[in-house]
N, C-alpha and C. Protein backbone atom coordinates (compact mmCIF):
# COMPACT_ATOMS: atom_id res chain seq x y z
N UNK A 1 -12.38 -6.64 29.89
CA UNK A 1 -12.60 -5.84 28.20
C UNK A 1 -10.93 -5.07 27.33
N UNK A 2 -10.80 -4.75 27.19
CA UNK A 2 -9.97 -4.20 26.05
C UNK A 2 -9.97 -2.42 26.14
N UNK A 3 -9.80 -1.90 27.02
CA UNK A 3 -10.28 -0.18 27.09
C UNK A 3 -9.05 0.67 26.64
N UNK A 4 -9.18 1.89 25.73
CA UNK A 4 -7.70 2.28 24.75
C UNK A 4 -8.60 3.85 26.02
N UNK A 5 -7.09 4.75 26.22
CA UNK A 5 -7.33 5.78 26.92
C UNK A 5 -7.42 6.53 25.85
N UNK A 6 -8.60 7.44 25.57
CA UNK A 6 -8.33 8.18 24.52
C UNK A 6 -9.39 9.33 25.21
N UNK A 7 -9.57 10.97 24.95
CA UNK A 7 -9.71 12.06 25.86
C UNK A 7 -11.24 12.01 24.62
N UNK A 8 -12.61 11.17 24.95
CA UNK A 8 -13.50 11.60 23.59
C UNK A 8 -13.50 13.04 23.39
N UNK A 9 -13.72 14.24 23.75
CA UNK A 9 -13.67 15.39 23.29
C UNK A 9 -12.53 15.35 22.15
N UNK A 10 -11.13 15.95 22.06
CA UNK A 10 -10.57 15.38 21.05
C UNK A 10 -10.36 14.45 20.19
N UNK A 11 -10.63 13.75 20.46
CA UNK A 11 -11.36 12.02 19.86
C UNK A 11 -11.99 12.79 17.97
N UNK A 12 -13.10 14.12 19.14
CA UNK A 12 -14.47 13.73 18.30
C UNK A 12 -13.30 15.95 17.34
N UNK A 13 -12.85 16.13 17.83
CA UNK A 13 -12.41 17.24 17.73
C UNK A 13 -11.28 16.87 16.07
N UNK A 14 -10.50 16.21 16.25
CA UNK A 14 -10.00 15.14 15.23
C UNK A 14 -10.52 15.08 14.74
N UNK A 15 -11.63 14.09 15.22
CA UNK A 15 -12.83 13.39 13.79
C UNK A 15 -12.64 14.09 12.13
N UNK A 16 -13.15 15.55 13.08
CA UNK A 16 -13.87 16.36 11.80
C UNK A 16 -13.07 17.72 11.59
N UNK A 17 -11.75 17.00 12.08
CA UNK A 17 -10.75 17.91 11.67
C UNK A 17 -10.44 17.62 10.57
N UNK A 18 -10.22 15.30 10.66
CA UNK A 18 -9.61 14.99 9.46
C UNK A 18 -10.02 14.82 8.41
N UNK A 19 -12.01 15.02 8.85
CA UNK A 19 -12.96 15.26 7.53
C UNK A 19 -12.30 16.16 6.51
N UNK A 20 -12.45 17.36 7.44
CA UNK A 20 -12.28 18.68 6.64
C UNK A 20 -11.43 18.38 5.53
N UNK A 21 -9.47 17.91 5.95
CA UNK A 21 -8.47 18.02 5.75
C UNK A 21 -8.84 17.20 4.06
N UNK A 22 -9.35 15.59 5.08
CA UNK A 22 -9.53 14.86 3.35
C UNK A 22 -10.61 14.63 2.62
N UNK A 23 -11.38 15.92 2.55
CA UNK A 23 -12.40 16.35 1.52
C UNK A 23 -11.86 16.92 0.56
N UNK A 24 -10.35 17.62 1.43
CA UNK A 24 -10.14 18.54 0.45
C UNK A 24 -9.14 17.65 -0.57
N UNK A 25 -9.82 18.10 -2.04
CA UNK A 25 -8.47 17.43 -3.18
C UNK A 25 -6.83 17.38 -2.82
N UNK A 26 -6.56 16.45 -3.49
CA UNK A 26 -5.12 16.21 -2.94
C UNK A 26 -4.70 14.77 -3.63
N UNK A 27 -3.24 15.48 -4.10
CA UNK A 27 -2.90 13.78 -5.91
C UNK A 27 -3.96 12.37 -4.86
N UNK A 28 -3.53 12.25 -4.58
CA UNK A 28 -4.65 11.02 -3.83
C UNK A 28 -6.30 11.05 -4.44
N UNK A 29 -6.60 12.42 -4.05
CA UNK A 29 -8.02 12.24 -4.55
C UNK A 29 -7.92 12.21 -6.32
N UNK A 30 -7.85 12.82 -6.83
CA UNK A 30 -7.04 13.14 -8.28
C UNK A 30 -6.57 11.34 -8.72
N UNK A 31 -5.75 11.30 -8.33
CA UNK A 31 -4.99 9.41 -8.48
C UNK A 31 -6.12 8.40 -8.74
N UNK A 32 -7.15 8.62 -7.62
CA UNK A 32 -8.79 7.45 -7.51
C UNK A 32 -9.51 8.52 -8.63
N UNK A 33 -10.35 9.05 -8.98
CA UNK A 33 -10.89 10.10 -8.91
C UNK A 33 -10.42 9.89 -11.19
N UNK A 34 -9.00 9.89 -10.80
CA UNK A 34 -8.92 9.53 -12.68
C UNK A 34 -8.76 7.75 -12.90
N UNK A 35 -9.18 7.10 -12.48
CA UNK A 35 -8.66 5.44 -12.60
C UNK A 35 -9.76 5.17 -12.71
N UNK A 36 -10.98 5.78 -11.63
CA UNK A 36 -12.39 5.45 -11.19
C UNK A 36 -12.69 5.57 -12.87
N UNK A 37 -12.87 7.28 -13.23
CA UNK A 37 -12.70 7.58 -14.53
C UNK A 37 -12.93 6.66 -16.08
N UNK A 38 -11.63 6.48 -15.55
CA UNK A 38 -10.43 5.59 -16.70
C UNK A 38 -11.38 3.91 -16.85
N UNK A 39 -11.43 2.88 -15.85
CA UNK A 39 -11.55 2.18 -15.25
C UNK A 39 -12.07 1.31 -14.60
N UNK A 40 -12.91 2.66 -13.47
CA UNK A 40 -14.04 1.81 -12.68
C UNK A 40 -13.71 2.41 -11.00
N UNK A 41 -14.45 1.96 -10.93
CA UNK A 41 -14.44 2.32 -9.34
C UNK A 41 -14.05 1.16 -8.97
N UNK A 42 -13.91 -0.22 -9.51
CA UNK A 42 -13.14 -1.15 -8.83
C UNK A 42 -10.92 -1.12 -8.69
N UNK A 43 -10.71 -0.05 -9.95
CA UNK A 43 -9.52 0.65 -9.43
C UNK A 43 -8.73 1.28 -8.55
N UNK A 44 -10.00 2.54 -8.14
CA UNK A 44 -9.72 3.40 -7.56
C UNK A 44 -10.02 2.80 -6.21
N UNK A 45 -10.80 2.49 -5.97
CA UNK A 45 -10.61 1.42 -4.22
C UNK A 45 -9.27 0.29 -4.42
N UNK A 46 -8.56 0.15 -5.39
CA UNK A 46 -7.37 -0.32 -5.28
C UNK A 46 -6.76 0.62 -4.76
N UNK A 47 -6.13 1.58 -5.89
CA UNK A 47 -5.97 3.07 -5.55
C UNK A 47 -5.88 3.03 -3.98
N UNK A 48 -7.14 3.26 -3.45
CA UNK A 48 -7.16 3.35 -2.11
C UNK A 48 -6.10 2.29 -0.57
N UNK A 49 -6.01 0.61 -1.16
CA UNK A 49 -5.62 0.31 -0.81
C UNK A 49 -4.33 0.43 -0.56
N UNK A 50 -3.25 1.18 -1.64
CA UNK A 50 -2.15 1.17 -2.14
C UNK A 50 -1.81 2.55 -1.01
N UNK A 51 -2.88 3.41 -0.65
CA UNK A 51 -1.94 4.29 -0.41
C UNK A 51 -2.30 4.23 1.44
N UNK A 52 -3.85 2.98 1.82
CA UNK A 52 -3.55 3.22 2.70
C UNK A 52 -2.23 2.03 3.41
N UNK A 53 -2.09 1.15 3.26
CA UNK A 53 -0.53 0.36 2.97
C UNK A 53 0.39 2.34 3.49
N UNK A 54 0.37 2.22 2.95
CA UNK A 54 2.03 3.32 2.54
C UNK A 54 1.40 4.48 3.43
N UNK A 55 0.55 4.77 3.78
CA UNK A 55 0.38 5.42 5.14
C UNK A 55 0.22 4.69 6.81
N UNK A 56 -0.65 3.77 6.66
CA UNK A 56 -0.78 2.99 7.15
C UNK A 56 1.40 2.42 8.15
N UNK A 57 2.02 2.38 7.14
CA UNK A 57 2.83 2.22 7.19
C UNK A 57 3.57 3.73 7.38
N UNK A 58 3.80 4.59 7.13
CA UNK A 58 4.69 5.55 8.04
C UNK A 58 4.05 6.27 8.57
N UNK A 59 2.00 6.63 9.66
CA UNK A 59 2.46 6.03 11.17
C UNK A 59 2.85 4.90 11.88
N UNK A 60 3.00 4.02 11.42
CA UNK A 60 3.72 3.11 12.18
C UNK A 60 4.89 3.09 12.78
N UNK A 61 5.83 3.65 11.87
CA UNK A 61 7.11 4.71 11.88
C UNK A 61 7.21 5.46 12.85
N UNK A 62 6.28 6.43 12.52
CA UNK A 62 6.22 7.79 13.39
C UNK A 62 5.58 6.89 14.94
N UNK A 63 5.28 6.33 14.45
CA UNK A 63 4.87 5.77 16.59
C UNK A 63 5.75 5.08 17.57
N UNK A 64 6.06 4.27 16.59
CA UNK A 64 7.69 3.61 17.49
C UNK A 64 8.78 4.73 17.25
N UNK A 65 9.04 5.93 16.86
CA UNK A 65 9.83 7.54 16.63
C UNK A 65 10.56 6.38 15.73
N UNK A 66 10.43 6.42 15.40
CA UNK A 66 11.58 5.53 14.29
C UNK A 66 12.22 6.61 12.65
N UNK A 67 11.66 8.25 13.56
CA UNK A 67 11.89 9.70 12.67
C UNK A 67 13.67 9.16 11.81
N UNK A 68 14.19 8.11 12.34
CA UNK A 68 15.86 7.71 11.43
C UNK A 68 15.54 6.89 10.63
N UNK A 69 13.91 6.29 11.00
CA UNK A 69 14.58 5.27 9.39
C UNK A 69 13.65 6.37 8.09
N UNK A 70 12.64 7.56 8.49
CA UNK A 70 12.41 8.21 7.33
C UNK A 70 13.24 9.24 6.49
N UNK A 71 14.24 9.70 7.54
CA UNK A 71 15.98 10.58 7.01
C UNK A 71 16.61 9.34 6.98
N UNK A 72 16.62 8.39 6.54
CA UNK A 72 18.19 6.80 6.30
C UNK A 72 17.20 7.63 4.69
N UNK A 73 16.01 7.20 4.79
CA UNK A 73 15.75 6.22 3.13
C UNK A 73 15.03 7.77 2.64
N UNK A 74 14.62 8.94 2.44
CA UNK A 74 14.90 10.57 1.72
C UNK A 74 15.02 10.18 0.75
N UNK A 75 16.17 10.16 0.71
CA UNK A 75 17.08 10.21 -0.66
C UNK A 75 16.01 8.58 -1.63
N UNK A 76 15.21 8.30 -0.87
CA UNK A 76 14.99 7.14 -1.87
C UNK A 76 13.93 7.05 -2.14
N UNK A 77 13.10 7.76 -1.58
CA UNK A 77 11.71 8.72 -1.13
C UNK A 77 11.52 9.42 -2.80
N UNK A 78 12.98 10.59 -2.53
CA UNK A 78 12.28 10.95 -3.08
C UNK A 78 12.88 10.27 -4.64
N UNK A 79 13.76 9.31 -5.31
CA UNK A 79 14.05 9.05 -6.90
C UNK A 79 12.55 8.18 -7.15
N UNK A 80 12.50 7.83 -5.77
CA UNK A 80 10.93 6.58 -5.62
C UNK A 80 10.08 8.02 -6.16
N UNK A 81 9.27 9.71 -5.65
CA UNK A 81 8.49 10.35 -6.48
C UNK A 81 9.13 10.93 -7.36
N UNK A 82 9.71 10.50 -7.09
CA UNK A 82 9.79 11.66 -9.34
C UNK A 82 10.67 10.91 -9.88
N UNK A 83 9.77 8.87 -9.37
CA UNK A 83 9.64 8.34 -11.00
C UNK A 83 8.00 8.13 -11.58
N UNK A 84 7.78 7.92 -9.91
CA UNK A 84 6.19 7.78 -10.15
C UNK A 84 5.55 8.69 -10.98
N UNK A 85 6.13 10.15 -10.74
CA UNK A 85 5.85 11.26 -10.58
C UNK A 85 5.28 11.37 -12.52
N UNK A 86 6.44 11.22 -12.55
CA UNK A 86 7.14 10.79 -14.74
C UNK A 86 6.02 9.95 -14.77
N UNK A 87 6.67 9.01 -14.67
CA UNK A 87 5.20 7.81 -13.96
C UNK A 87 3.87 8.24 -15.00
N UNK A 88 3.27 9.60 -13.84
CA UNK A 88 1.74 9.49 -14.07
C UNK A 88 1.70 11.06 -15.28
N UNK A 89 3.17 10.98 -14.82
CA UNK A 89 3.06 12.65 -16.30
C UNK A 89 2.19 11.82 -17.39
N UNK A 90 3.01 10.96 -17.88
CA UNK A 90 3.69 9.41 -19.05
C UNK A 90 2.13 9.27 -19.29
N UNK A 91 1.32 9.06 -18.19
CA UNK A 91 -0.32 8.26 -18.35
C UNK A 91 -0.79 9.32 -19.12
N UNK A 92 -0.27 10.42 -18.19
CA UNK A 92 -1.77 11.15 -18.79
C UNK A 92 -1.41 12.43 -20.21
N UNK A 93 -0.31 11.73 -20.53
CA UNK A 93 -0.13 12.89 -21.76
C UNK A 93 -1.06 11.47 -22.53
N UNK A 94 -0.24 10.47 -22.16
CA UNK A 94 -0.59 9.55 -23.30
C UNK A 94 -2.30 9.36 -23.87
N UNK A 95 -2.99 9.67 -22.57
CA UNK A 95 -4.56 9.85 -22.39
C UNK A 95 -5.06 10.84 -23.48
N UNK A 96 -4.40 11.37 -23.14
CA UNK A 96 -4.92 13.27 -24.74
C UNK A 96 -4.43 12.81 -25.69
N UNK A 97 -3.34 11.64 -25.38
CA UNK A 97 -3.25 12.39 -27.51
C UNK A 97 -3.81 10.84 -27.90
N UNK A 98 -4.35 9.95 -26.78
CA UNK A 98 -4.65 8.59 -27.55
C UNK A 98 -6.22 8.57 -28.31
N UNK A 99 -7.00 8.22 -29.19
CA UNK A 99 -8.59 8.13 -30.00
C UNK A 99 -8.99 7.79 -27.82
N UNK A 100 -10.71 8.36 -29.04
CA UNK A 100 -11.40 8.21 -27.35
C UNK A 100 -12.74 6.40 -28.13
N UNK A 101 -12.30 5.58 -26.71
CA UNK A 101 -12.88 4.89 -27.16
C UNK A 101 -14.15 4.52 -26.51
N UNK A 102 -15.63 3.35 -26.76
CA UNK A 102 -16.65 3.64 -25.70
C UNK A 102 -16.40 2.99 -25.16
N UNK A 103 -17.25 2.73 -24.20
CA UNK A 103 -17.20 1.41 -23.17
C UNK A 103 -17.34 -0.40 -23.01
N UNK A 104 -17.63 0.26 -24.59
CA UNK A 104 -18.46 -2.07 -25.19
C UNK A 104 -16.85 -2.15 -25.40
N UNK A 105 -16.10 -1.60 -26.13
CA UNK A 105 -14.74 -1.81 -27.19
C UNK A 105 -13.93 -1.43 -26.01
N UNK A 106 -14.30 -0.68 -24.61
CA UNK A 106 -11.90 -0.96 -23.61
C UNK A 106 -12.45 -2.78 -22.69
N UNK A 107 -10.97 -2.69 -22.56
CA UNK A 107 -11.23 -3.99 -21.55
C UNK A 107 -11.18 -3.71 -20.89
N UNK A 108 -11.90 -4.04 -19.92
CA UNK A 108 -12.06 -4.02 -18.43
C UNK A 108 -10.77 -4.50 -17.45
N UNK A 109 -10.30 -3.61 -17.53
CA UNK A 109 -8.69 -4.25 -16.97
C UNK A 109 -8.75 -4.16 -15.39
N UNK A 110 -9.72 -3.50 -14.52
CA UNK A 110 -9.51 -3.42 -13.44
C UNK A 110 -9.13 -4.61 -13.18
N UNK A 111 -9.85 -5.96 -13.27
CA UNK A 111 -9.70 -7.11 -14.15
C UNK A 111 -8.71 -7.67 -13.20
N UNK A 112 -8.47 -7.48 -14.34
CA UNK A 112 -6.41 -8.38 -14.40
C UNK A 112 -5.70 -8.05 -13.60
N UNK A 113 -5.18 -8.91 -13.26
CA UNK A 113 -4.37 -9.27 -11.63
C UNK A 113 -2.96 -8.25 -12.44
N UNK A 114 -2.52 -8.57 -12.77
CA UNK A 114 -1.44 -7.21 -13.37
C UNK A 114 -1.59 -6.00 -12.86
N UNK A 115 -3.09 -6.48 -14.22
CA UNK A 115 -2.86 -4.22 -13.37
C UNK A 115 -3.15 -3.69 -12.19
N UNK A 116 -4.21 -4.97 -11.81
CA UNK A 116 -4.68 -3.94 -10.42
C UNK A 116 -3.06 -4.26 -9.19
N UNK A 117 -1.89 -4.86 -9.58
CA UNK A 117 -1.03 -4.35 -8.71
C UNK A 117 -0.66 -2.95 -9.23
N UNK A 118 -0.72 -2.89 -10.45
CA UNK A 118 0.05 -1.59 -10.72
C UNK A 118 -1.31 -0.13 -10.35
N UNK A 119 -2.19 -0.86 -9.24
CA UNK A 119 -3.22 -0.08 -9.04
C UNK A 119 -2.55 0.63 -8.14
N UNK A 120 -2.88 -0.70 -6.72
CA UNK A 120 -2.33 -0.80 -6.16
C UNK A 120 -0.79 0.43 -5.54
N UNK A 121 0.32 -0.19 -6.32
CA UNK A 121 1.88 0.13 -6.16
C UNK A 121 1.42 1.71 -6.64
N UNK A 122 0.92 2.44 -7.37
CA UNK A 122 0.21 4.08 -8.06
C UNK A 122 0.42 4.82 -7.14
N UNK A 123 -1.08 4.66 -5.97
CA UNK A 123 -1.74 4.23 -4.75
C UNK A 123 -0.51 4.31 -3.50
N UNK A 124 0.24 3.23 -3.86
CA UNK A 124 0.94 3.21 -2.74
C UNK A 124 2.84 4.37 -2.77
N UNK A 125 2.65 4.90 -3.95
CA UNK A 125 4.04 5.69 -4.22
C UNK A 125 3.40 6.85 -3.77
N UNK A 126 2.49 7.17 -4.21
CA UNK A 126 1.93 8.63 -3.88
C UNK A 126 1.73 8.47 -2.67
N UNK A 127 0.80 7.72 -1.65
CA UNK A 127 0.93 7.92 0.20
C UNK A 127 2.75 7.98 -0.02
N UNK A 128 3.27 7.77 -0.15
CA UNK A 128 4.19 7.47 0.77
C UNK A 128 5.80 8.32 0.28
N UNK A 129 5.39 8.63 -1.03
CA UNK A 129 6.59 9.30 -1.20
C UNK A 129 6.18 11.31 -0.91
N UNK A 130 4.56 11.55 -0.13
CA UNK A 130 4.56 12.09 -0.48
C UNK A 130 5.02 13.10 1.12
N UNK A 131 5.81 14.09 1.09
CA UNK A 131 5.64 15.06 2.52
C UNK A 131 4.28 15.55 2.99
N UNK A 132 3.90 15.41 2.77
CA UNK A 132 2.41 15.67 3.25
C UNK A 132 2.28 15.02 4.58
N UNK A 133 2.60 14.14 4.22
CA UNK A 133 1.98 13.17 4.65
C UNK A 133 2.91 13.45 6.64
N UNK A 134 4.45 13.38 6.72
CA UNK A 134 5.21 13.01 7.92
C UNK A 134 4.83 14.61 8.20
N UNK A 135 4.88 15.94 7.51
CA UNK A 135 4.09 17.39 7.88
C UNK A 135 2.88 16.53 8.21
N UNK A 136 2.19 16.43 8.50
CA UNK A 136 0.59 15.54 8.76
C UNK A 136 0.22 15.85 9.27
N UNK A 137 0.98 14.34 10.08
CA UNK A 137 1.60 13.76 11.45
C UNK A 137 2.22 13.81 12.60
N UNK A 138 3.13 14.85 11.88
CA UNK A 138 4.00 15.72 12.65
C UNK A 138 3.67 16.95 13.40
N UNK A 139 3.26 17.77 12.66
CA UNK A 139 1.91 19.15 13.69
C UNK A 139 0.70 18.98 13.73
N UNK A 140 -0.50 17.94 13.50
CA UNK A 140 -1.80 18.32 13.25
C UNK A 140 -1.59 16.69 14.24
N UNK A 141 -0.79 15.73 14.40
CA UNK A 141 -1.51 14.60 15.80
C UNK A 141 -0.97 15.50 17.13
N UNK A 142 -0.22 15.85 17.75
CA UNK A 142 0.16 16.42 18.83
C UNK A 142 -0.90 17.31 19.43
N UNK A 143 -2.11 18.11 18.42
CA UNK A 143 -1.93 19.11 19.02
C UNK A 143 -4.18 18.04 19.40
N UNK A 144 -3.58 16.82 19.79
CA UNK A 144 -4.89 16.01 19.34
C UNK A 144 -4.72 14.70 21.27
N UNK A 145 -3.17 14.65 21.58
CA UNK A 145 -2.93 14.10 22.56
C UNK A 145 -3.01 15.27 24.45
N UNK A 146 -3.36 13.87 24.53
CA UNK A 146 -4.01 14.37 26.38
C UNK A 146 -2.64 14.28 26.31
N UNK A 147 -2.64 15.25 27.46
CA UNK A 147 -1.16 14.73 27.92
C UNK A 147 -0.95 13.79 29.61
N UNK A 148 -2.46 14.23 29.04
CA UNK A 148 -2.94 13.58 30.66
C UNK A 148 -2.40 11.48 30.58
N UNK A 149 -3.00 11.43 28.88
CA UNK A 149 -3.04 10.12 29.48
C UNK A 149 -1.37 9.66 28.41
N UNK A 150 -1.69 7.90 27.86
CA UNK A 150 -0.68 7.44 27.56
C UNK A 150 -0.61 8.12 26.19
N UNK A 151 0.32 8.30 25.91
CA UNK A 151 0.49 8.34 24.04
C UNK A 151 0.09 8.12 22.82
N UNK A 152 1.33 6.41 23.03
CA UNK A 152 0.89 5.21 22.77
C UNK A 152 -0.40 5.25 22.29
N UNK A 153 -1.52 4.58 22.69
CA UNK A 153 -2.79 4.12 23.10
C UNK A 153 -3.42 5.29 21.73
N UNK A 154 -3.06 6.70 22.67
CA UNK A 154 -3.90 8.01 22.13
C UNK A 154 -3.36 7.87 20.23
N UNK A 155 -2.04 7.70 19.74
CA UNK A 155 -1.27 7.96 18.26
C UNK A 155 -1.80 6.14 17.93
N UNK A 156 -2.18 5.42 18.47
CA UNK A 156 -2.61 4.01 17.70
C UNK A 156 -3.86 4.62 17.09
N UNK A 157 -5.35 4.75 17.81
CA UNK A 157 -6.70 5.14 17.87
C UNK A 157 -6.58 6.62 16.54
N UNK A 158 -5.87 7.51 17.49
CA UNK A 158 -6.25 8.49 16.14
C UNK A 158 -5.60 8.06 14.67
N UNK A 159 -4.32 7.34 14.28
CA UNK A 159 -3.93 6.65 13.06
C UNK A 159 -4.89 6.03 13.04
N UNK A 160 -5.09 4.71 13.65
CA UNK A 160 -6.45 4.61 13.08
C UNK A 160 -7.62 4.66 12.55
N UNK A 161 -7.94 6.66 13.19
CA UNK A 161 -9.05 7.76 12.82
C UNK A 161 -8.70 7.23 11.73
N UNK A 162 -8.20 8.93 11.72
CA UNK A 162 -6.98 8.78 9.96
C UNK A 162 -7.62 8.02 8.90
N UNK A 163 -6.88 6.70 9.24
CA UNK A 163 -6.96 5.95 8.31
C UNK A 163 -8.03 5.49 8.03
N UNK A 164 -9.15 5.24 8.85
CA UNK A 164 -11.16 4.54 8.72
C UNK A 164 -11.91 6.11 7.35
N UNK A 165 -11.73 6.91 7.96
CA UNK A 165 -11.94 7.98 7.38
C UNK A 165 -11.97 8.81 6.53
N UNK A 166 -10.16 7.82 5.61
CA UNK A 166 -9.81 8.44 4.04
C UNK A 166 -10.36 7.29 3.21
N UNK A 167 -10.44 6.68 4.90
CA UNK A 167 -10.37 5.19 2.68
C UNK A 167 -12.18 5.10 2.99
N UNK A 168 -13.48 6.60 3.59
CA UNK A 168 -14.50 6.73 3.79
C UNK A 168 -14.28 7.55 2.34
N UNK A 169 -13.63 8.02 3.02
CA UNK A 169 -14.24 10.07 2.13
C UNK A 169 -13.67 9.65 0.53
N UNK A 170 -12.40 9.00 -0.04
CA UNK A 170 -12.37 8.56 -0.90
C UNK A 170 -12.60 7.49 -1.55
N UNK A 171 -13.06 6.16 -0.86
CA UNK A 171 -13.71 5.04 -1.43
C UNK A 171 -14.93 5.75 -2.25
N UNK A 172 -15.56 7.13 -1.42
CA UNK A 172 -16.95 6.98 -2.20
C UNK A 172 -16.42 8.66 -3.33
N UNK A 173 -15.07 9.17 -3.86
CA UNK A 173 -15.60 9.97 -4.48
C UNK A 173 -14.94 8.37 -5.76
N UNK A 174 -14.57 7.53 -5.37
CA UNK A 174 -13.92 6.52 -5.97
C UNK A 174 -15.27 5.78 -6.76
N UNK A 175 -16.82 5.84 -6.42
CA UNK A 175 -17.92 5.35 -6.73
C UNK A 175 -18.30 6.20 -7.52
N UNK A 176 -18.19 7.34 -6.34
CA UNK A 176 -18.94 8.11 -7.75
C UNK A 176 -18.13 8.53 -8.86
N UNK A 177 -16.62 8.63 -8.80
CA UNK A 177 -16.06 8.56 -10.18
C UNK A 177 -16.52 7.57 -11.34
N UNK A 178 -17.64 6.11 -10.70
CA UNK A 178 -17.30 5.42 -11.08
C UNK A 178 -18.72 5.38 -11.65
N UNK A 179 -20.04 5.92 -10.58
CA UNK A 179 -20.92 6.28 -11.42
C UNK A 179 -20.90 6.92 -12.42
N UNK A 180 -19.97 8.38 -12.90
CA UNK A 180 -20.11 8.93 -13.64
C UNK A 180 -19.67 8.02 -15.14
N UNK A 181 -18.81 7.39 -14.73
CA UNK A 181 -18.20 6.34 -15.52
C UNK A 181 -19.26 6.44 -17.21
N UNK A 182 -20.59 5.68 -17.33
CA UNK A 182 -21.45 4.95 -17.72
C UNK A 182 -22.18 6.56 -18.80
N UNK A 183 -21.37 7.68 -17.79
CA UNK A 183 -21.97 8.81 -19.04
C UNK A 183 -21.38 9.33 -20.12
N UNK A 184 -19.47 9.15 -19.86
CA UNK A 184 -18.81 9.49 -21.10
C UNK A 184 -18.67 8.00 -21.64
N UNK A 185 -20.23 6.76 -21.58
CA UNK A 185 -19.08 6.10 -22.53
C UNK A 185 -19.48 5.80 -23.92
N UNK A 186 -20.05 6.62 -24.91
CA UNK A 186 -19.69 6.57 -26.46
C UNK A 186 -19.00 6.55 -26.80
N UNK A 187 -18.30 6.69 -28.12
CA UNK A 187 -17.08 7.23 -28.94
C UNK A 187 -16.65 8.41 -28.66
N UNK A 188 -17.34 9.36 -29.00
CA UNK A 188 -17.31 10.78 -28.36
C UNK A 188 -17.18 10.96 -27.20
N UNK A 189 -17.74 10.28 -26.43
CA UNK A 189 -17.26 10.62 -24.37
C UNK A 189 -15.76 10.48 -24.88
N UNK A 190 -15.91 8.89 -25.05
CA UNK A 190 -14.54 9.03 -24.76
C UNK A 190 -13.06 9.32 -24.61
N UNK A 191 -13.28 9.72 -26.01
CA UNK A 191 -12.03 10.51 -25.83
C UNK A 191 -11.94 12.30 -24.64
N UNK A 192 -13.40 12.53 -24.12
CA UNK A 192 -14.05 13.60 -22.99
C UNK A 192 -13.27 12.33 -21.64
N UNK A 193 -13.56 12.25 -21.62
CA UNK A 193 -12.90 10.76 -20.21
C UNK A 193 -11.56 10.65 -20.46
N UNK A 194 -10.40 10.81 -21.99
CA UNK A 194 -9.13 10.02 -21.88
C UNK A 194 -9.04 11.96 -21.30
N UNK A 195 -9.57 12.55 -22.06
CA UNK A 195 -8.91 14.41 -21.75
C UNK A 195 -8.92 14.65 -20.35
N UNK A 196 -10.07 14.25 -19.37
CA UNK A 196 -9.93 14.49 -18.14
C UNK A 196 -9.16 13.28 -18.02
N UNK A 197 -9.44 11.83 -17.91
CA UNK A 197 -8.24 11.38 -16.77
C UNK A 197 -6.59 11.70 -17.03
N UNK A 198 -6.79 11.87 -18.18
CA UNK A 198 -4.89 12.83 -18.02
C UNK A 198 -4.44 13.72 -17.52
N UNK A 199 -5.59 15.17 -17.72
CA UNK A 199 -5.62 16.11 -17.29
C UNK A 199 -5.57 15.63 -15.58
N UNK A 200 -5.71 14.84 -15.20
CA UNK A 200 -6.45 14.27 -13.32
C UNK A 200 -4.98 14.29 -12.80
N UNK A 201 -4.33 12.84 -13.80
CA UNK A 201 -3.27 12.60 -14.15
C UNK A 201 -1.57 12.40 -14.07
N UNK A 202 -1.60 13.98 -14.22
CA UNK A 202 -0.91 15.09 -14.88
C UNK A 202 -0.86 15.26 -13.66
N UNK A 203 -1.44 16.40 -13.06
CA UNK A 203 -2.21 16.86 -11.87
C UNK A 203 -1.58 16.33 -11.32
N UNK A 204 -1.90 15.60 -10.79
CA UNK A 204 -1.54 14.34 -9.46
C UNK A 204 -0.03 14.09 -9.23
N UNK A 205 0.77 14.39 -11.14
CA UNK A 205 2.08 13.03 -11.52
C UNK A 205 3.05 15.00 -10.69
N UNK A 206 1.99 15.90 -11.29
CA UNK A 206 3.22 17.38 -10.85
C UNK A 206 3.08 18.01 -9.71
N UNK A 207 1.75 17.01 -8.51
CA UNK A 207 1.54 17.57 -7.89
C UNK A 207 3.32 16.98 -7.04
N UNK A 208 3.19 15.84 -7.05
CA UNK A 208 3.52 15.05 -6.40
C UNK A 208 5.62 14.95 -6.44
N UNK A 209 5.67 15.52 -7.71
CA UNK A 209 6.51 16.75 -8.48
C UNK A 209 7.93 17.34 -7.35
N UNK A 210 6.52 18.52 -8.03
CA UNK A 210 6.42 19.86 -7.41
C UNK A 210 6.02 20.03 -5.17
N UNK A 211 6.53 18.51 -4.66
CA UNK A 211 5.85 18.72 -3.34
C UNK A 211 7.49 18.19 -2.33
N UNK A 212 8.35 19.34 -2.43
CA UNK A 212 9.20 19.78 -1.54
C UNK A 212 9.10 18.18 -0.38
N UNK A 213 10.44 17.95 -0.11
CA UNK A 213 10.46 17.08 0.67
C UNK A 213 10.96 17.83 1.69
N UNK A 214 10.07 17.29 2.89
CA UNK A 214 10.08 17.73 4.42
C UNK A 214 11.20 17.26 5.38
N UNK A 215 11.25 18.78 5.28
CA UNK A 215 13.00 19.17 6.47
C UNK A 215 12.77 19.19 8.53
């Protein structure tokens, strides 16, 4: 039987602390809510698939001790971060200027393959270009490592725990925002929906742009 070595007390503390931290809205949450309000919960869930892959990539690199890979790619991450931020802000401004549509008039782009890839890529970019992810991994995880147990197995369990909790909480945000979407179904409320979504996208882009690279 495969048995991972983990201190149950530290694991429970980590799970609780992670839950509290993820509940606080950040760039990922605002992006998920924005797209779920605009296009439905499926769009937000596709964002989450992208953010999960991005976070997994960071954790895998960190777990294998390949900090040099992140250092090597840091300049490219900065370029991608600025490009992604500009794109999200552009989308937000366009939504502010756009005429309101009822849900009956709006095409359900969340089922479109091309748009699904866009939502996935948005989530992935927000995850991998946010230096807070690196800082979180470097500063937060070690506090819950038991030195008497194998570090590799503990990092695996903690990383998996973080990803699962993040996916569940972020998915809840997406579903709740998707539930609110029909309430903004009329053309007049469609303008409100556009402005709420636009504002959230602008906030996400600005947060991404203003976050400094981890040192």
